[in-house]
């Protein structure tokens, strides 16, 4: 496992622990608040992991190579398309 994935996993776990800290602080009488915090912890942790792994993969991929320049020897290699007039149909 690469260090990038370990950092993403650590950030995801830190988010879940941060949310669970508030879950423990909220009084047991406020059931819906505790449910919402638990849902936010799970969804947020999953989203951080998902986006983080996508970013790690995007940063690992090599930059696309530029194609070699084309050498033009004479004018017969060049093709020009005719330009469409904008004033066609306008008076």
N, C-alpha and C. Protein backbone atom coordinates (compact mmCIF):
# COMPACT_ATOMS: atom_id res chain seq x y z
N UNK A 1 0.86 -1.17 0.00
CA UNK A 1 0.00 0.00 0.00
C UNK A 1 0.90 1.24 0.00
N UNK A 2 0.62 2.15 -0.90
CA UNK A 2 1.48 3.32 -1.03
C UNK A 2 1.20 4.34 0.08
N UNK A 3 2.12 5.26 0.22
CA UNK A 3 1.96 6.26 1.27
C UNK A 3 0.79 7.19 0.98
N UNK A 4 0.48 7.41 -0.30
CA UNK A 4 -0.67 8.25 -0.65
C UNK A 4 -1.98 7.63 -0.18
N UNK A 5 -2.11 6.32 -0.39
CA UNK A 5 -3.33 5.65 0.05
C UNK A 5 -3.42 5.59 1.57
N UNK A 6 -2.28 5.48 2.22
CA UNK A 6 -2.29 5.50 3.69
C UNK A 6 -2.74 6.87 4.22
N UNK A 7 -2.30 7.94 3.55
CA UNK A 7 -2.74 9.27 3.96
C UNK A 7 -4.24 9.46 3.74
N UNK A 8 -4.74 8.95 2.64
CA UNK A 8 -6.18 9.05 2.37
C UNK A 8 -6.96 8.26 3.41
N UNK A 9 -6.50 7.06 3.71
CA UNK A 9 -7.17 6.24 4.72
C UNK A 9 -7.12 6.92 6.09
N UNK A 10 -5.99 7.51 6.43
CA UNK A 10 -5.86 8.22 7.71
C UNK A 10 -6.80 9.42 7.77
N UNK A 11 -6.93 10.16 6.67
CA UNK A 11 -7.84 11.31 6.65
C UNK A 11 -9.28 10.86 6.81
N UNK A 12 -9.63 9.76 6.18
CA UNK A 12 -10.98 9.23 6.30
C UNK A 12 -11.28 8.80 7.73
N UNK A 13 -10.36 8.11 8.33
CA UNK A 13 -10.54 7.67 9.73
C UNK A 13 -10.58 8.86 10.68
N UNK A 14 -9.77 9.87 10.41
CA UNK A 14 -9.79 11.07 11.26
C UNK A 14 -11.14 11.76 11.19
N UNK A 15 -11.74 11.83 9.99
CA UNK A 15 -13.07 12.43 9.85
C UNK A 15 -14.10 11.65 10.66
N UNK A 16 -14.04 10.33 10.57
CA UNK A 16 -15.00 9.50 11.31
C UNK A 16 -14.82 9.68 12.81
N UNK A 17 -13.57 9.72 13.27
CA UNK A 17 -13.33 9.93 14.70
C UNK A 17 -13.76 11.32 15.15
N UNK A 18 -13.56 12.32 14.29
CA UNK A 18 -14.00 13.68 14.61
C UNK A 18 -15.52 13.74 14.77
N UNK A 19 -16.24 13.08 13.86
CA UNK A 19 -17.70 13.05 13.96
C UNK A 19 -18.16 12.25 15.18
N UNK A 20 -17.48 11.16 15.46
CA UNK A 20 -17.87 10.34 16.61
C UNK A 20 -17.63 11.07 17.93
N UNK A 21 -16.67 11.98 17.93
CA UNK A 21 -16.45 12.80 19.12
C UNK A 21 -17.70 13.62 19.43
N UNK A 22 -18.30 14.22 18.39
CA UNK A 22 -19.53 14.97 18.59
C UNK A 22 -20.70 14.03 18.90
N UNK A 23 -20.67 12.82 18.36
CA UNK A 23 -21.73 11.86 18.64
C UNK A 23 -21.77 11.53 20.13
N UNK A 24 -20.58 11.39 20.73
CA UNK A 24 -20.53 11.11 22.17
C UNK A 24 -20.94 12.32 23.01
N UNK A 25 -20.70 13.51 22.53
CA UNK A 25 -21.03 14.72 23.28
C UNK A 25 -22.54 14.96 23.32
N UNK A 26 -23.24 14.64 22.23
CA UNK A 26 -24.68 14.89 22.15
C UNK A 26 -25.41 13.99 23.14
N UNK A 27 -26.37 14.59 23.84
CA UNK A 27 -27.14 13.87 24.85
C UNK A 27 -27.94 12.73 24.21
N UNK A 28 -28.14 11.66 24.96
CA UNK A 28 -28.85 10.49 24.43
C UNK A 28 -30.32 10.78 24.14
N UNK A 29 -30.85 11.85 24.70
CA UNK A 29 -32.24 12.21 24.44
C UNK A 29 -32.43 12.72 23.01
N UNK A 30 -31.38 13.24 22.41
CA UNK A 30 -31.45 13.79 21.05
C UNK A 30 -31.04 12.70 20.04
N UNK A 31 -31.96 11.79 19.85
CA UNK A 31 -31.68 10.61 19.04
C UNK A 31 -31.42 10.99 17.58
N UNK A 32 -32.23 11.88 17.02
CA UNK A 32 -32.09 12.23 15.60
C UNK A 32 -30.79 12.95 15.31
N UNK A 33 -30.35 13.78 16.27
CA UNK A 33 -29.06 14.44 16.08
C UNK A 33 -27.93 13.41 16.05
N UNK A 34 -28.02 12.43 16.93
CA UNK A 34 -26.98 11.39 16.94
C UNK A 34 -27.02 10.56 15.66
N UNK A 35 -28.21 10.28 15.16
CA UNK A 35 -28.31 9.54 13.90
C UNK A 35 -27.70 10.33 12.75
N UNK A 36 -28.01 11.62 12.69
CA UNK A 36 -27.47 12.45 11.60
C UNK A 36 -25.95 12.56 11.67
N UNK A 37 -25.42 12.68 12.87
CA UNK A 37 -23.96 12.73 13.01
C UNK A 37 -23.32 11.43 12.58
N UNK A 38 -23.96 10.30 12.93
CA UNK A 38 -23.42 8.99 12.52
C UNK A 38 -23.48 8.82 11.01
N UNK A 39 -24.58 9.27 10.39
CA UNK A 39 -24.69 9.20 8.92
C UNK A 39 -23.65 10.09 8.27
N UNK A 40 -23.47 11.30 8.80
CA UNK A 40 -22.45 12.22 8.25
C UNK A 40 -21.05 11.64 8.40
N UNK A 41 -20.81 10.94 9.49
CA UNK A 41 -19.49 10.32 9.68
C UNK A 41 -19.24 9.26 8.62
N UNK A 42 -20.22 8.42 8.38
CA UNK A 42 -20.05 7.35 7.40
C UNK A 42 -19.95 7.88 5.98
N UNK A 43 -20.87 8.76 5.61
CA UNK A 43 -20.84 9.31 4.25
C UNK A 43 -19.62 10.17 4.00
N UNK A 44 -19.27 10.99 4.98
CA UNK A 44 -18.10 11.85 4.83
C UNK A 44 -16.81 11.05 4.74
N UNK A 45 -16.69 10.03 5.57
CA UNK A 45 -15.50 9.19 5.52
C UNK A 45 -15.38 8.46 4.19
N UNK A 46 -16.52 7.95 3.71
CA UNK A 46 -16.51 7.28 2.41
C UNK A 46 -16.19 8.22 1.28
N UNK A 47 -16.73 9.43 1.32
CA UNK A 47 -16.47 10.41 0.28
C UNK A 47 -15.01 10.86 0.29
N UNK A 48 -14.46 11.06 1.46
CA UNK A 48 -13.05 11.43 1.55
C UNK A 48 -12.18 10.32 0.97
N UNK A 49 -12.50 9.08 1.28
CA UNK A 49 -11.72 7.95 0.75
C UNK A 49 -11.86 7.85 -0.76
N UNK A 50 -13.09 7.99 -1.27
CA UNK A 50 -13.34 7.89 -2.70
C UNK A 50 -12.61 8.98 -3.49
N UNK A 51 -12.78 10.23 -3.07
CA UNK A 51 -12.14 11.34 -3.78
C UNK A 51 -10.62 11.28 -3.60
N UNK A 52 -10.17 10.89 -2.42
CA UNK A 52 -8.73 10.79 -2.18
C UNK A 52 -8.06 9.75 -3.04
N UNK A 53 -8.69 8.58 -3.19
CA UNK A 53 -8.09 7.56 -4.04
C UNK A 53 -8.09 7.98 -5.51
N UNK A 54 -9.13 8.71 -5.93
CA UNK A 54 -9.13 9.22 -7.31
C UNK A 54 -8.01 10.22 -7.52
N UNK A 55 -7.78 11.09 -6.55
CA UNK A 55 -6.69 12.06 -6.67
C UNK A 55 -5.33 11.39 -6.67
N UNK A 56 -5.16 10.37 -5.84
CA UNK A 56 -3.88 9.66 -5.80
C UNK A 56 -3.61 9.00 -7.14
N UNK A 57 -4.63 8.38 -7.73
CA UNK A 57 -4.45 7.74 -9.03
C UNK A 57 -4.17 8.77 -10.12
N UNK A 58 -4.83 9.93 -10.05
CA UNK A 58 -4.60 10.97 -11.05
C UNK A 58 -3.19 11.54 -10.95
N UNK A 59 -2.68 11.62 -9.74
CA UNK A 59 -1.33 12.16 -9.56
C UNK A 59 -0.26 11.15 -9.94
N UNK A 60 -0.58 9.85 -9.88
CA UNK A 60 0.39 8.82 -10.23
C UNK A 60 0.57 8.67 -11.73
N UNK A 61 -0.47 8.94 -12.51
CA UNK A 61 -0.39 8.72 -13.95
C UNK A 61 0.60 9.67 -14.58
N UNK A 62 1.41 9.17 -15.51
CA UNK A 62 2.38 10.04 -16.16
C UNK A 62 1.67 11.03 -17.09
N UNK A 63 2.33 12.14 -17.32
CA UNK A 63 1.77 13.16 -18.20
C UNK A 63 1.70 12.61 -19.62
N UNK A 64 0.65 12.97 -20.35
CA UNK A 64 0.56 12.46 -21.73
C UNK A 64 1.70 13.01 -22.58
N UNK A 65 2.22 12.15 -23.44
CA UNK A 65 3.33 12.56 -24.28
C UNK A 65 2.80 13.37 -25.46
N UNK A 66 3.55 14.41 -25.81
CA UNK A 66 3.16 15.23 -26.94
C UNK A 66 3.64 14.55 -28.22
N UNK A 67 2.82 14.61 -29.27
CA UNK A 67 3.25 13.98 -30.51
C UNK A 67 4.44 14.72 -31.12
N UNK A 68 5.22 13.98 -31.90
CA UNK A 68 6.38 14.58 -32.55
C UNK A 68 5.92 15.60 -33.58
N UNK A 69 6.65 16.70 -33.73
CA UNK A 69 6.25 17.71 -34.73
C UNK A 69 6.33 17.15 -36.14
N UNK A 70 5.39 17.56 -36.96
CA UNK A 70 5.33 17.09 -38.34
C UNK A 70 6.14 18.05 -39.22
N UNK A 71 7.01 17.49 -40.01
CA UNK A 71 7.81 18.31 -40.91
C UNK A 71 7.08 18.46 -42.24
N UNK A 72 6.94 19.71 -42.68
CA UNK A 72 6.28 20.01 -43.95
C UNK A 72 7.37 20.32 -44.97
N UNK A 73 7.42 19.53 -46.04
CA UNK A 73 8.46 19.73 -47.05
C UNK A 73 8.04 20.73 -48.12
N UNK A 74 6.80 20.61 -48.57
CA UNK A 74 6.32 21.56 -49.56
C UNK A 74 4.84 21.84 -49.29
N UNK A 75 4.24 22.69 -50.05
CA UNK A 75 2.87 23.11 -49.83
C UNK A 75 1.83 22.06 -50.15
N UNK A 76 2.19 20.99 -50.79
CA UNK A 76 1.20 19.97 -51.14
C UNK A 76 0.73 19.17 -49.92
N UNK A 77 1.48 19.22 -48.84
CA UNK A 77 1.09 18.51 -47.61
C UNK A 77 0.02 19.25 -46.81
N UNK A 78 -0.19 20.51 -47.12
CA UNK A 78 -1.11 21.35 -46.34
C UNK A 78 -2.46 21.38 -47.02
N UNK A 79 -3.51 21.15 -46.25
CA UNK A 79 -4.87 21.23 -46.77
C UNK A 79 -5.61 22.33 -46.04
N UNK A 80 -6.35 23.12 -46.79
CA UNK A 80 -7.10 24.23 -46.20
C UNK A 80 -8.57 24.04 -46.53
N UNK A 81 -9.42 24.10 -45.51
CA UNK A 81 -10.86 23.98 -45.73
C UNK A 81 -11.42 25.35 -46.08
N UNK A 82 -12.42 25.39 -46.95
CA UNK A 82 -13.02 26.69 -47.29
C UNK A 82 -13.75 27.25 -46.09
N UNK A 83 -13.75 28.55 -45.95
CA UNK A 83 -14.39 29.23 -44.84
C UNK A 83 -15.85 29.47 -45.16
N UNK A 84 -16.70 29.23 -44.21
CA UNK A 84 -18.13 29.46 -44.40
C UNK A 84 -18.41 30.92 -44.11
N UNK A 85 -19.08 31.59 -45.02
CA UNK A 85 -19.41 33.00 -44.85
C UNK A 85 -20.53 33.13 -43.84
N UNK A 86 -20.37 34.07 -42.93
CA UNK A 86 -21.38 34.29 -41.91
C UNK A 86 -22.56 35.08 -42.44
N UNK A 87 -22.35 35.80 -43.53
CA UNK A 87 -23.41 36.67 -44.05
C UNK A 87 -24.34 35.94 -45.00
N UNK A 88 -24.22 34.63 -45.14
CA UNK A 88 -25.10 33.89 -46.03
C UNK A 88 -26.51 33.90 -45.45
N UNK A 89 -27.47 34.31 -46.23
CA UNK A 89 -28.86 34.36 -45.78
C UNK A 89 -29.21 35.64 -45.06
N UNK A 90 -28.27 36.47 -44.77
CA UNK A 90 -28.53 37.75 -44.09
C UNK A 90 -28.53 38.85 -45.13
N UNK A 91 -29.43 39.78 -44.97
CA UNK A 91 -29.50 40.92 -45.90
C UNK A 91 -29.29 42.22 -45.17
